[in-house]
Amino acid sequence: MKIALVAHDRKKDDMVALATEFAPLLQQHTLMATGTTGGRLQREAGLQVECLLSGPLGGDLQIGARLAIGDVDALVFLRDPMTAQPHEPDINALVRACDVHNVRCATNLATARVLLHSLIAR
């Protein structure tokens, strides 16, 4: 599967912890992430990740474009609902694209764990 991983600044530590917890599973799949998140996942979780642009610089849009043509099977997007994001329209468009294209989407740790556990069972 092709899995996209995105985390807002205050959620990056959570993403690294989640990816470390699920590293054996994630290593079996093709991973892509926005810039800073991807770099941290490579360095701190030891995962092979294709790093796209930073979210505010268009990384969310890059993932959305891939998702629209069937090149993303699941998205884990740990969002920070308490902090305004300068690229909020891009974020909303990405989550909406998951709904339009019926792509698995988790936006917090609880749903991310459910999503990733469901992939183990496949």
N, C-alpha and C. Protein backbone atom coordinates (compact mmCIF):
# COMPACT_ATOMS: atom_id res chain seq x y z
N MET A 1 0.83 -1.19 0.00
CA MET A 1 0.00 0.00 0.00
C MET A 1 0.87 1.25 0.00
N LYS A 2 0.30 2.34 -0.44
CA LYS A 2 0.97 3.64 -0.41
C LYS A 2 0.31 4.46 0.69
N ILE A 3 1.11 4.80 1.69
CA ILE A 3 0.60 5.49 2.88
C ILE A 3 1.24 6.86 3.00
N ALA A 4 0.41 7.88 3.15
CA ALA A 4 0.88 9.25 3.34
C ALA A 4 0.82 9.60 4.82
N LEU A 5 1.87 10.24 5.31
CA LEU A 5 1.98 10.61 6.72
C LEU A 5 2.23 12.11 6.82
N VAL A 6 1.38 12.79 7.58
CA VAL A 6 1.46 14.24 7.73
C VAL A 6 1.21 14.56 9.20
N ALA A 7 1.93 15.53 9.74
CA ALA A 7 1.70 15.94 11.12
C ALA A 7 1.99 17.43 11.27
N HIS A 8 1.08 18.12 11.92
CA HIS A 8 1.34 19.52 12.24
C HIS A 8 2.47 19.59 13.28
N ASP A 9 3.05 20.77 13.43
CA ASP A 9 4.23 20.93 14.28
C ASP A 9 4.05 20.34 15.67
N ARG A 10 2.94 20.64 16.32
CA ARG A 10 2.73 20.15 17.69
C ARG A 10 2.38 18.66 17.75
N LYS A 11 2.24 18.03 16.61
CA LYS A 11 1.89 16.61 16.55
C LYS A 11 3.03 15.75 15.98
N LYS A 12 4.15 16.37 15.66
CA LYS A 12 5.25 15.62 15.06
C LYS A 12 5.84 14.58 16.02
N ASP A 13 5.95 14.92 17.30
CA ASP A 13 6.44 13.93 18.26
C ASP A 13 5.50 12.74 18.32
N ASP A 14 4.19 13.00 18.28
CA ASP A 14 3.21 11.91 18.28
C ASP A 14 3.36 11.05 17.04
N MET A 15 3.61 11.68 15.89
CA MET A 15 3.77 10.91 14.65
C MET A 15 5.00 10.02 14.71
N VAL A 16 6.09 10.55 15.24
CA VAL A 16 7.31 9.74 15.37
C VAL A 16 7.05 8.56 16.30
N ALA A 17 6.38 8.80 17.41
CA ALA A 17 6.07 7.71 18.34
C ALA A 17 5.16 6.67 17.69
N LEU A 18 4.15 7.13 16.98
CA LEU A 18 3.23 6.22 16.29
C LEU A 18 3.98 5.39 15.24
N ALA A 19 4.80 6.06 14.45
CA ALA A 19 5.55 5.36 13.39
C ALA A 19 6.54 4.36 13.98
N THR A 20 7.13 4.71 15.10
CA THR A 20 8.05 3.78 15.76
C THR A 20 7.29 2.56 16.27
N GLU A 21 6.13 2.81 16.85
CA GLU A 21 5.28 1.72 17.35
C GLU A 21 4.88 0.76 16.21
N PHE A 22 4.58 1.31 15.05
CA PHE A 22 4.10 0.51 13.92
C PHE A 22 5.18 0.32 12.84
N ALA A 23 6.43 0.52 13.19
CA ALA A 23 7.52 0.43 12.20
C ALA A 23 7.53 -0.89 11.44
N PRO A 24 7.37 -2.04 12.11
CA PRO A 24 7.39 -3.30 11.33
C PRO A 24 6.31 -3.33 10.23
N LEU A 25 5.15 -2.76 10.50
CA LEU A 25 4.10 -2.69 9.50
C LEU A 25 4.45 -1.67 8.42
N LEU A 26 4.83 -0.47 8.83
CA LEU A 26 5.09 0.60 7.88
C LEU A 26 6.23 0.27 6.94
N GLN A 27 7.22 -0.49 7.39
CA GLN A 27 8.35 -0.87 6.54
C GLN A 27 7.92 -1.74 5.36
N GLN A 28 6.75 -2.33 5.46
CA GLN A 28 6.26 -3.20 4.39
C GLN A 28 5.54 -2.42 3.29
N HIS A 29 5.38 -1.12 3.47
CA HIS A 29 4.59 -0.31 2.55
C HIS A 29 5.42 0.85 2.00
N THR A 30 4.90 1.49 0.97
CA THR A 30 5.53 2.68 0.39
C THR A 30 5.02 3.89 1.16
N LEU A 31 5.95 4.66 1.71
CA LEU A 31 5.59 5.80 2.54
C LEU A 31 5.97 7.10 1.88
N MET A 32 5.10 8.08 2.05
CA MET A 32 5.39 9.45 1.63
C MET A 32 4.96 10.36 2.76
N ALA A 33 5.61 11.50 2.87
CA ALA A 33 5.28 12.43 3.95
C ALA A 33 5.64 13.84 3.53
N THR A 34 5.02 14.80 4.20
CA THR A 34 5.43 16.18 3.98
C THR A 34 6.83 16.34 4.58
N GLY A 35 7.52 17.38 4.14
CA GLY A 35 8.95 17.56 4.37
C GLY A 35 9.50 17.30 5.74
N THR A 36 9.16 18.11 6.70
CA THR A 36 9.74 17.98 8.04
C THR A 36 9.34 16.67 8.70
N THR A 37 8.08 16.31 8.55
CA THR A 37 7.60 15.05 9.13
C THR A 37 8.37 13.88 8.54
N GLY A 38 8.53 13.86 7.23
CA GLY A 38 9.26 12.77 6.58
C GLY A 38 10.70 12.68 7.04
N GLY A 39 11.35 13.82 7.18
CA GLY A 39 12.73 13.82 7.65
C GLY A 39 12.86 13.25 9.05
N ARG A 40 11.94 13.62 9.91
CA ARG A 40 11.97 13.08 11.27
C ARG A 40 11.69 11.59 11.29
N LEU A 41 10.77 11.14 10.45
CA LEU A 41 10.47 9.70 10.40
C LEU A 41 11.67 8.91 9.91
N GLN A 42 12.42 9.47 8.98
CA GLN A 42 13.63 8.80 8.51
C GLN A 42 14.67 8.72 9.62
N ARG A 43 14.93 9.87 10.24
CA ARG A 43 15.99 9.94 11.25
C ARG A 43 15.63 9.22 12.55
N GLU A 44 14.41 9.43 13.03
CA GLU A 44 14.06 8.98 14.37
C GLU A 44 13.34 7.63 14.43
N ALA A 45 12.66 7.27 13.34
CA ALA A 45 11.95 5.99 13.33
C ALA A 45 12.62 4.99 12.39
N GLY A 46 13.63 5.45 11.65
CA GLY A 46 14.36 4.56 10.77
C GLY A 46 13.58 4.07 9.56
N LEU A 47 12.60 4.83 9.13
CA LEU A 47 11.76 4.42 8.02
C LEU A 47 12.25 5.03 6.70
N GLN A 48 12.01 4.33 5.62
CA GLN A 48 12.29 4.86 4.29
C GLN A 48 11.04 5.62 3.85
N VAL A 49 11.18 6.93 3.67
CA VAL A 49 10.04 7.80 3.38
C VAL A 49 10.41 8.73 2.23
N GLU A 50 9.52 8.86 1.27
CA GLU A 50 9.69 9.88 0.24
C GLU A 50 9.23 11.20 0.84
N CYS A 51 10.12 12.15 0.93
CA CYS A 51 9.80 13.46 1.50
C CYS A 51 9.35 14.42 0.41
N LEU A 52 8.14 14.92 0.57
CA LEU A 52 7.60 15.91 -0.35
C LEU A 52 7.85 17.30 0.24
N LEU A 53 7.24 18.31 -0.32
CA LEU A 53 7.38 19.65 0.23
C LEU A 53 6.76 19.75 1.61
N SER A 54 7.17 20.75 2.36
CA SER A 54 6.52 21.07 3.62
C SER A 54 5.05 21.38 3.34
N GLY A 55 4.18 21.09 4.29
CA GLY A 55 2.75 21.35 4.11
C GLY A 55 2.43 22.76 3.65
N PRO A 56 2.91 23.79 4.37
CA PRO A 56 2.59 25.17 3.96
C PRO A 56 3.18 25.55 2.61
N LEU A 57 4.16 24.80 2.13
CA LEU A 57 4.78 25.10 0.84
C LEU A 57 4.21 24.25 -0.29
N GLY A 58 3.17 23.49 -0.01
CA GLY A 58 2.51 22.71 -1.05
C GLY A 58 2.53 21.21 -0.87
N GLY A 59 3.12 20.71 0.20
CA GLY A 59 3.18 19.26 0.42
C GLY A 59 1.81 18.61 0.55
N ASP A 60 0.87 19.30 1.23
CA ASP A 60 -0.49 18.76 1.34
C ASP A 60 -1.12 18.65 -0.04
N LEU A 61 -0.86 19.64 -0.89
CA LEU A 61 -1.39 19.62 -2.25
C LEU A 61 -0.77 18.49 -3.07
N GLN A 62 0.53 18.24 -2.88
CA GLN A 62 1.18 17.14 -3.59
C GLN A 62 0.54 15.81 -3.22
N ILE A 63 0.29 15.61 -1.93
CA ILE A 63 -0.35 14.37 -1.49
C ILE A 63 -1.77 14.29 -2.05
N GLY A 64 -2.49 15.42 -2.01
CA GLY A 64 -3.85 15.44 -2.55
C GLY A 64 -3.89 15.09 -4.03
N ALA A 65 -2.92 15.58 -4.80
CA ALA A 65 -2.87 15.26 -6.23
C ALA A 65 -2.63 13.77 -6.44
N ARG A 66 -1.74 13.20 -5.68
CA ARG A 66 -1.47 11.76 -5.79
C ARG A 66 -2.70 10.95 -5.38
N LEU A 67 -3.34 11.40 -4.33
CA LEU A 67 -4.54 10.73 -3.84
C LEU A 67 -5.62 10.72 -4.92
N ALA A 68 -5.79 11.84 -5.62
CA ALA A 68 -6.83 11.97 -6.64
C ALA A 68 -6.62 11.03 -7.81
N ILE A 69 -5.38 10.62 -8.08
CA ILE A 69 -5.12 9.71 -9.20
C ILE A 69 -4.89 8.27 -8.74
N GLY A 70 -5.20 8.00 -7.48
CA GLY A 70 -5.13 6.63 -6.97
C GLY A 70 -3.77 6.21 -6.45
N ASP A 71 -2.87 7.16 -6.20
CA ASP A 71 -1.54 6.82 -5.72
C ASP A 71 -1.38 6.96 -4.21
N VAL A 72 -2.47 7.06 -3.48
CA VAL A 72 -2.44 7.04 -2.02
C VAL A 72 -3.58 6.13 -1.56
N ASP A 73 -3.24 5.14 -0.74
CA ASP A 73 -4.24 4.20 -0.25
C ASP A 73 -4.72 4.53 1.15
N ALA A 74 -3.91 5.28 1.91
CA ALA A 74 -4.28 5.65 3.28
C ALA A 74 -3.53 6.91 3.66
N LEU A 75 -4.17 7.73 4.47
CA LEU A 75 -3.58 8.96 4.97
C LEU A 75 -3.68 8.99 6.48
N VAL A 76 -2.55 9.22 7.13
CA VAL A 76 -2.54 9.52 8.57
C VAL A 76 -2.10 10.97 8.67
N PHE A 77 -3.01 11.82 9.11
CA PHE A 77 -2.76 13.26 9.19
C PHE A 77 -3.05 13.69 10.61
N LEU A 78 -2.01 13.75 11.43
CA LEU A 78 -2.19 14.18 12.82
C LEU A 78 -2.28 15.70 12.84
N ARG A 79 -3.51 16.17 12.94
CA ARG A 79 -3.77 17.61 12.88
C ARG A 79 -3.79 18.21 14.28
N ASP A 80 -3.44 19.48 14.35
CA ASP A 80 -3.51 20.23 15.60
C ASP A 80 -4.72 21.15 15.51
N PRO A 81 -5.84 20.74 16.09
CA PRO A 81 -7.06 21.54 15.96
C PRO A 81 -7.05 22.81 16.79
N MET A 82 -6.07 22.97 17.64
CA MET A 82 -6.03 24.13 18.53
C MET A 82 -5.14 25.26 18.02
N THR A 83 -4.49 25.05 16.88
CA THR A 83 -3.59 26.06 16.33
C THR A 83 -4.02 26.38 14.90
N ALA A 84 -4.19 27.67 14.62
CA ALA A 84 -4.54 28.09 13.26
C ALA A 84 -3.38 27.76 12.32
N GLN A 85 -3.72 27.27 11.15
CA GLN A 85 -2.72 26.90 10.15
C GLN A 85 -2.84 27.85 8.96
N PRO A 86 -1.73 28.38 8.46
CA PRO A 86 -1.81 29.32 7.34
C PRO A 86 -2.31 28.67 6.05
N HIS A 87 -2.20 27.37 5.95
CA HIS A 87 -2.62 26.65 4.74
C HIS A 87 -3.87 25.81 5.01
N GLU A 88 -4.75 26.31 5.86
CA GLU A 88 -5.98 25.60 6.24
C GLU A 88 -6.80 25.14 5.02
N PRO A 89 -6.95 25.97 3.97
CA PRO A 89 -7.70 25.48 2.80
C PRO A 89 -7.09 24.22 2.18
N ASP A 90 -5.76 24.13 2.16
CA ASP A 90 -5.11 22.94 1.61
C ASP A 90 -5.40 21.72 2.48
N ILE A 91 -5.38 21.92 3.79
CA ILE A 91 -5.65 20.83 4.74
C ILE A 91 -7.07 20.31 4.54
N ASN A 92 -8.02 21.24 4.48
CA ASN A 92 -9.42 20.84 4.28
C ASN A 92 -9.60 20.13 2.95
N ALA A 93 -8.93 20.61 1.91
CA ALA A 93 -9.04 19.98 0.60
C ALA A 93 -8.48 18.56 0.62
N LEU A 94 -7.41 18.34 1.35
CA LEU A 94 -6.81 17.01 1.43
C LEU A 94 -7.75 16.03 2.14
N VAL A 95 -8.30 16.44 3.25
CA VAL A 95 -9.22 15.56 3.98
C VAL A 95 -10.49 15.33 3.14
N ARG A 96 -10.97 16.36 2.48
CA ARG A 96 -12.15 16.22 1.62
C ARG A 96 -11.84 15.25 0.47
N ALA A 97 -10.64 15.33 -0.10
CA ALA A 97 -10.27 14.41 -1.19
C ALA A 97 -10.31 12.96 -0.73
N CYS A 98 -9.96 12.71 0.53
CA CYS A 98 -10.08 11.35 1.07
C CYS A 98 -11.53 10.89 1.02
N ASP A 99 -12.43 11.77 1.39
CA ASP A 99 -13.86 11.42 1.36
C ASP A 99 -14.34 11.19 -0.08
N VAL A 100 -13.95 12.07 -0.98
CA VAL A 100 -14.37 11.98 -2.39
C VAL A 100 -13.88 10.67 -3.01
N HIS A 101 -12.64 10.30 -2.72
CA HIS A 101 -12.02 9.13 -3.36
C HIS A 101 -12.05 7.88 -2.49
N ASN A 102 -12.77 7.95 -1.37
CA ASN A 102 -12.95 6.80 -0.48
C ASN A 102 -11.61 6.21 -0.01
N VAL A 103 -10.73 7.10 0.43
CA VAL A 103 -9.40 6.71 0.92
C VAL A 103 -9.43 6.71 2.44
N ARG A 104 -8.84 5.68 3.04
CA ARG A 104 -8.74 5.60 4.50
C ARG A 104 -8.05 6.86 5.01
N CYS A 105 -8.60 7.46 6.08
CA CYS A 105 -8.05 8.71 6.59
C CYS A 105 -8.19 8.75 8.11
N ALA A 106 -7.08 9.00 8.78
CA ALA A 106 -7.08 9.15 10.24
C ALA A 106 -6.51 10.51 10.57
N THR A 107 -7.18 11.23 11.46
CA THR A 107 -6.73 12.60 11.77
C THR A 107 -6.34 12.78 13.23
N ASN A 108 -6.31 11.70 14.00
CA ASN A 108 -5.84 11.78 15.38
C ASN A 108 -5.24 10.43 15.76
N LEU A 109 -4.60 10.37 16.91
CA LEU A 109 -3.91 9.13 17.30
C LEU A 109 -4.85 7.94 17.43
N ALA A 110 -6.03 8.15 17.96
CA ALA A 110 -6.96 7.03 18.16
C ALA A 110 -7.34 6.41 16.82
N THR A 111 -7.73 7.25 15.85
CA THR A 111 -8.12 6.68 14.55
C THR A 111 -6.91 6.18 13.77
N ALA A 112 -5.75 6.79 13.98
CA ALA A 112 -4.53 6.31 13.31
C ALA A 112 -4.20 4.89 13.78
N ARG A 113 -4.33 4.64 15.05
CA ARG A 113 -4.04 3.29 15.56
C ARG A 113 -5.03 2.27 15.00
N VAL A 114 -6.30 2.64 14.94
CA VAL A 114 -7.31 1.74 14.37
C VAL A 114 -6.98 1.45 12.91
N LEU A 115 -6.66 2.49 12.15
CA LEU A 115 -6.32 2.32 10.74
C LEU A 115 -5.12 1.40 10.58
N LEU A 116 -4.06 1.67 11.32
CA LEU A 116 -2.85 0.86 11.18
C LEU A 116 -3.07 -0.57 11.66
N HIS A 117 -3.82 -0.76 12.74
CA HIS A 117 -4.13 -2.13 13.18
C HIS A 117 -4.92 -2.87 12.11
N SER A 118 -5.81 -2.18 11.40
CA SER A 118 -6.58 -2.83 10.35
C SER A 118 -5.68 -3.31 9.21
N LEU A 119 -4.57 -2.61 8.99
CA LEU A 119 -3.64 -3.03 7.93
C LEU A 119 -2.86 -4.27 8.34
N ILE A 120 -2.62 -4.42 9.63
CA ILE A 120 -1.94 -5.63 10.12
C ILE A 120 -2.78 -6.87 9.82
N ALA A 121 -4.07 -6.72 9.96
CA ALA A 121 -4.98 -7.85 9.77
C ALA A 121 -5.14 -8.25 8.30
N ARG A 122 -4.64 -7.43 7.39
CA ARG A 122 -4.81 -7.72 5.94
C ARG A 122 -3.91 -8.83 5.51
